[in-house]
Amino acid sequence: MPLQLPHQPLQIAAVPSPRVPAREDEAGPWHTEAVCRRDEAGLFFAPSKEPTAARLAREEAAKRVCARCPVMVECREHALLQPEPYGVWGGLTAAERRVVLARRRRRDMELKKAASTDRRIAAAG
């Protein structure tokens, strides 16, 4: 998924079931491949009382690191399923992750409502 800039709408990715564990393969857990393991951790988490302009610049720099990461999607899903309340994870800030989670909840409710309606129609027919 391409890097989402603040002025672009967030895309909702296909999501595995919350019970599916994070990817583990012969190379080890996904986070061992994360590009951010080689960068300064301070880039991804806000210092206390950080001015807005500094926060926005830091978050954009963190998102650039995420954009070149081979495990960005796994990282994002981890942060959404945990949920991680702070920092930039998988190219999304905490606020952006809250938006994605709200959209997912709304979509899930709509799907349940549609399934319920379909069952009532099938039972009546």
C-alpha atoms as a PDB file:
ATOM      1  CA  MET A   1       0.000   0.000   0.000  1.00  0.00           C
ATOM      2  CA  PRO A   2       1.483   3.379  -0.910  1.00  0.00           C
ATOM      3  CA  LEU A   3       2.317   5.976   1.695  1.00  0.00           C
ATOM      4  CA  GLN A   4      -0.755   8.001   2.646  1.00  0.00           C
ATOM      5  CA  LEU A   5      -0.187  11.726   2.863  1.00  0.00           C
ATOM      6  CA  PRO A   6      -2.289  13.725   5.343  1.00  0.00           C
ATOM      7  CA  HIS A   7      -4.373  15.340   2.588  1.00  0.00           C
ATOM      8  CA  GLN A   8      -5.267  12.021   0.953  1.00  0.00           C
ATOM      9  CA  PRO A   9      -8.092   9.775   2.172  1.00  0.00           C
ATOM     10  CA  LEU A  10      -6.886   6.712   4.042  1.00  0.00           C
ATOM     11  CA  GLN A  11      -7.332   3.395   2.295  1.00  0.00           C
ATOM     12  CA  ILE A  12      -8.731   0.431   4.185  1.00  0.00           C
ATOM     13  CA  ALA A  13      -6.683  -2.682   3.522  1.00  0.00           C
ATOM     14  CA  ALA A  14      -8.042  -6.194   3.590  1.00  0.00           C
ATOM     15  CA  VAL A  15      -7.722  -7.401   7.159  1.00  0.00           C
ATOM     16  CA  PRO A  16      -7.006 -10.873   8.483  1.00  0.00           C
ATOM     17  CA  SER A  17      -9.120 -12.121  11.348  1.00  0.00           C
ATOM     18  CA  PRO A  18      -7.998 -10.555  14.657  1.00  0.00           C
ATOM     19  CA  ARG A  19      -7.246 -14.084  15.883  1.00  0.00           C
ATOM     20  CA  VAL A  20      -4.587 -14.591  13.182  1.00  0.00           C
ATOM     21  CA  PRO A  21      -1.143 -14.125  14.764  1.00  0.00           C
ATOM     22  CA  ALA A  22       1.444 -11.839  13.228  1.00  0.00           C
ATOM     23  CA  ARG A  23       3.349 -13.458  10.356  1.00  0.00           C
ATOM     24  CA  GLU A  24       6.070 -15.810  11.402  1.00  0.00           C
ATOM     25  CA  ASP A  25       8.103 -17.611   8.768  1.00  0.00           C
ATOM     26  CA  GLU A  26      11.457 -19.310   8.382  1.00  0.00           C
ATOM     27  CA  ALA A  27      13.172 -15.916   8.629  1.00  0.00           C
ATOM     28  CA  GLY A  28      11.564 -15.166  11.995  1.00  0.00           C
ATOM     29  CA  PRO A  29       8.916 -12.681  13.124  1.00  0.00           C
ATOM     30  CA  TRP A  30       7.997  -9.843  10.749  1.00  0.00           C
ATOM     31  CA  HIS A  31       9.563  -7.131  12.916  1.00  0.00           C
ATOM     32  CA  THR A  32      13.076  -8.492  12.408  1.00  0.00           C
ATOM     33  CA  GLU A  33      12.822  -7.212   8.799  1.00  0.00           C
ATOM     34  CA  ALA A  34      11.544  -3.751   9.807  1.00  0.00           C
ATOM     35  CA  VAL A  35      13.565  -0.843   8.436  1.00  0.00           C
ATOM     36  CA  CYS A  36      12.886   1.181  11.606  1.00  0.00           C
ATOM     37  CA  ARG A  37      15.022  -1.232  13.630  1.00  0.00           C
ATOM     38  CA  ARG A  38      18.003   0.483  11.988  1.00  0.00           C
ATOM     39  CA  ASP A  39      16.734   4.050  12.511  1.00  0.00           C
ATOM     40  CA  GLU A  40      16.459   6.221  15.566  1.00  0.00           C
ATOM     41  CA  ALA A  41      13.423   5.201  17.637  1.00  0.00           C
ATOM     42  CA  GLY A  42      12.785   8.857  18.521  1.00  0.00           C
ATOM     43  CA  LEU A  43      11.638   9.431  14.968  1.00  0.00           C
ATOM     44  CA  PHE A  44       8.567   7.243  15.537  1.00  0.00           C
ATOM     45  CA  PHE A  45       7.458   8.466  18.974  1.00  0.00           C
ATOM     46  CA  ALA A  46       6.758  12.023  20.134  1.00  0.00           C
ATOM     47  CA  PRO A  47       8.787  13.637  22.882  1.00  0.00           C
ATOM     48  CA  SER A  48       6.700  15.304  25.569  1.00  0.00           C
ATOM     49  CA  LYS A  49       5.397  18.787  24.712  1.00  0.00           C
ATOM     50  CA  GLU A  50       6.559  18.568  21.097  1.00  0.00           C
ATOM     51  CA  PRO A  51       5.505  21.636  19.068  1.00  0.00           C
ATOM     52  CA  THR A  52       3.009  20.895  16.284  1.00  0.00           C
ATOM     53  CA  ALA A  53       5.330  21.852  13.423  1.00  0.00           C
ATOM     54  CA  ALA A  54       8.090  19.637  14.827  1.00  0.00           C
ATOM     55  CA  ARG A  55       5.640  16.750  15.320  1.00  0.00           C
ATOM     56  CA  LEU A  56       4.364  16.981  11.749  1.00  0.00           C
ATOM     57  CA  ALA A  57       7.907  17.066  10.342  1.00  0.00           C
ATOM     58  CA  ARG A  58       8.973  14.121  12.516  1.00  0.00           C
ATOM     59  CA  GLU A  59       5.893  12.083  11.539  1.00  0.00           C
ATOM     60  CA  GLU A  60       6.505  12.734   7.830  1.00  0.00           C
ATOM     61  CA  ALA A  61      10.127  11.619   8.232  1.00  0.00           C
ATOM     62  CA  ALA A  62       8.941   8.454  10.018  1.00  0.00           C
ATOM     63  CA  LYS A  63       6.407   7.792   7.244  1.00  0.00           C
ATOM     64  CA  ARG A  64       9.192   8.048   4.651  1.00  0.00           C
ATOM     65  CA  VAL A  65      11.062   5.321   6.540  1.00  0.00           C
ATOM     66  CA  CYS A  66       7.884   3.213   6.636  1.00  0.00           C
ATOM     67  CA  ALA A  67       7.297   3.713   2.908  1.00  0.00           C
ATOM     68  CA  ARG A  68      10.499   1.827   2.075  1.00  0.00           C
ATOM     69  CA  CYS A  69       9.923  -0.945   4.620  1.00  0.00           C
ATOM     70  CA  PRO A  70       9.261  -4.491   3.358  1.00  0.00           C
ATOM     71  CA  VAL A  71       7.001  -5.285   6.340  1.00  0.00           C
ATOM     72  CA  MET A  72       4.950  -2.068   6.443  1.00  0.00           C
ATOM     73  CA  VAL A  73       1.614  -3.884   6.045  1.00  0.00           C
ATOM     74  CA  GLU A  74       2.397  -6.379   8.819  1.00  0.00           C
ATOM     75  CA  CYS A  75       3.502  -3.521  11.091  1.00  0.00           C
ATOM     76  CA  ARG A  76       0.313  -1.562  10.357  1.00  0.00           C
ATOM     77  CA  GLU A  77      -1.889  -4.575  11.072  1.00  0.00           C
ATOM     78  CA  HIS A  78      -0.025  -5.208  14.324  1.00  0.00           C
ATOM     79  CA  ALA A  79      -0.663  -1.610  15.394  1.00  0.00           C
ATOM     80  CA  LEU A  80      -4.339  -1.833  14.423  1.00  0.00           C
ATOM     81  CA  LEU A  81      -4.965  -5.186  16.100  1.00  0.00           C
ATOM     82  CA  GLN A  82      -3.147  -4.431  19.386  1.00  0.00           C
ATOM     83  CA  PRO A  83      -4.058  -1.427  19.169  1.00  0.00           C
ATOM     84  CA  GLU A  84      -0.920   0.649  19.580  1.00  0.00           C
ATOM     85  CA  PRO A  85      -1.960   4.030  21.065  1.00  0.00           C
ATOM     86  CA  TYR A  86       1.222   5.999  20.278  1.00  0.00           C
ATOM     87  CA  GLY A  87       3.737   6.554  17.528  1.00  0.00           C
ATOM     88  CA  VAL A  88       3.974   5.956  13.806  1.00  0.00           C
ATOM     89  CA  TRP A  89       3.417   2.300  12.928  1.00  0.00           C
ATOM     90  CA  GLY A  90       3.104   0.982   9.385  1.00  0.00           C
ATOM     91  CA  GLY A  91       3.120   4.498   7.986  1.00  0.00           C
ATOM     92  CA  LEU A  92       0.156   5.689  10.070  1.00  0.00           C
ATOM     93  CA  THR A  93       0.024   7.991  13.076  1.00  0.00           C
ATOM     94  CA  ALA A  94      -2.120   7.137  16.094  1.00  0.00           C
ATOM     95  CA  ALA A  95      -4.831   9.523  14.845  1.00  0.00           C
ATOM     96  CA  GLU A  96      -4.794   7.953  11.375  1.00  0.00           C
ATOM     97  CA  ARG A  97      -5.064   4.472  12.910  1.00  0.00           C
ATOM     98  CA  ARG A  98      -8.115   5.587  14.905  1.00  0.00           C
ATOM     99  CA  VAL A  99      -9.757   6.672  11.625  1.00  0.00           C
ATOM    100  CA  VAL A 100      -8.984   3.315   9.995  1.00  0.00           C
ATOM    101  CA  LEU A 101     -10.352   1.433  13.012  1.00  0.00           C
ATOM    102  CA  ALA A 102     -13.546   3.522  13.029  1.00  0.00           C
ATOM    103  CA  ARG A 103     -14.048   2.828   9.305  1.00  0.00           C
ATOM    104  CA  ARG A 104     -13.501  -0.885   9.864  1.00  0.00           C
ATOM    105  CA  ARG A 105     -16.015  -0.944  12.712  1.00  0.00           C
ATOM    106  CA  ARG A 106     -18.560   0.906  10.566  1.00  0.00           C
ATOM    107  CA  ARG A 107     -17.957  -1.462   7.629  1.00  0.00           C
ATOM    108  CA  ASP A 108     -18.322  -4.501   9.910  1.00  0.00           C
ATOM    109  CA  MET A 109     -21.606  -3.166  11.298  1.00  0.00           C
ATOM    110  CA  GLU A 110     -22.907  -2.561   7.765  1.00  0.00           C
ATOM    111  CA  LEU A 111     -21.927  -6.073   6.701  1.00  0.00           C
ATOM    112  CA  LYS A 112     -23.654  -7.605   9.753  1.00  0.00           C
ATOM    113  CA  LYS A 113     -26.765  -5.554   9.071  1.00  0.00           C
ATOM    114  CA  ALA A 114     -26.819  -6.658   5.427  1.00  0.00           C
ATOM    115  CA  ALA A 115     -26.335 -10.312   6.408  1.00  0.00           C
ATOM    116  CA  SER A 116     -29.177 -10.054   8.928  1.00  0.00           C
ATOM    117  CA  THR A 117     -31.459  -8.552   6.266  1.00  0.00           C
ATOM    118  CA  ASP A 118     -30.509 -11.302   3.814  1.00  0.00           C
ATOM    119  CA  ARG A 119     -31.357 -13.983   6.418  1.00  0.00           C
ATOM    120  CA  ARG A 120     -34.766 -12.409   7.102  1.00  0.00           C
ATOM    121  CA  ILE A 121     -35.544 -12.251   3.381  1.00  0.00           C
ATOM    122  CA  ALA A 122     -34.472 -15.870   2.888  1.00  0.00           C
ATOM    123  CA  ALA A 123     -36.571 -17.017   5.877  1.00  0.00           C
ATOM    124  CA  ALA A 124     -39.640 -15.168   4.590  1.00  0.00           C
ATOM    125  CA  GLY A 125     -39.254 -16.441   1.005  1.00  0.00           C
END
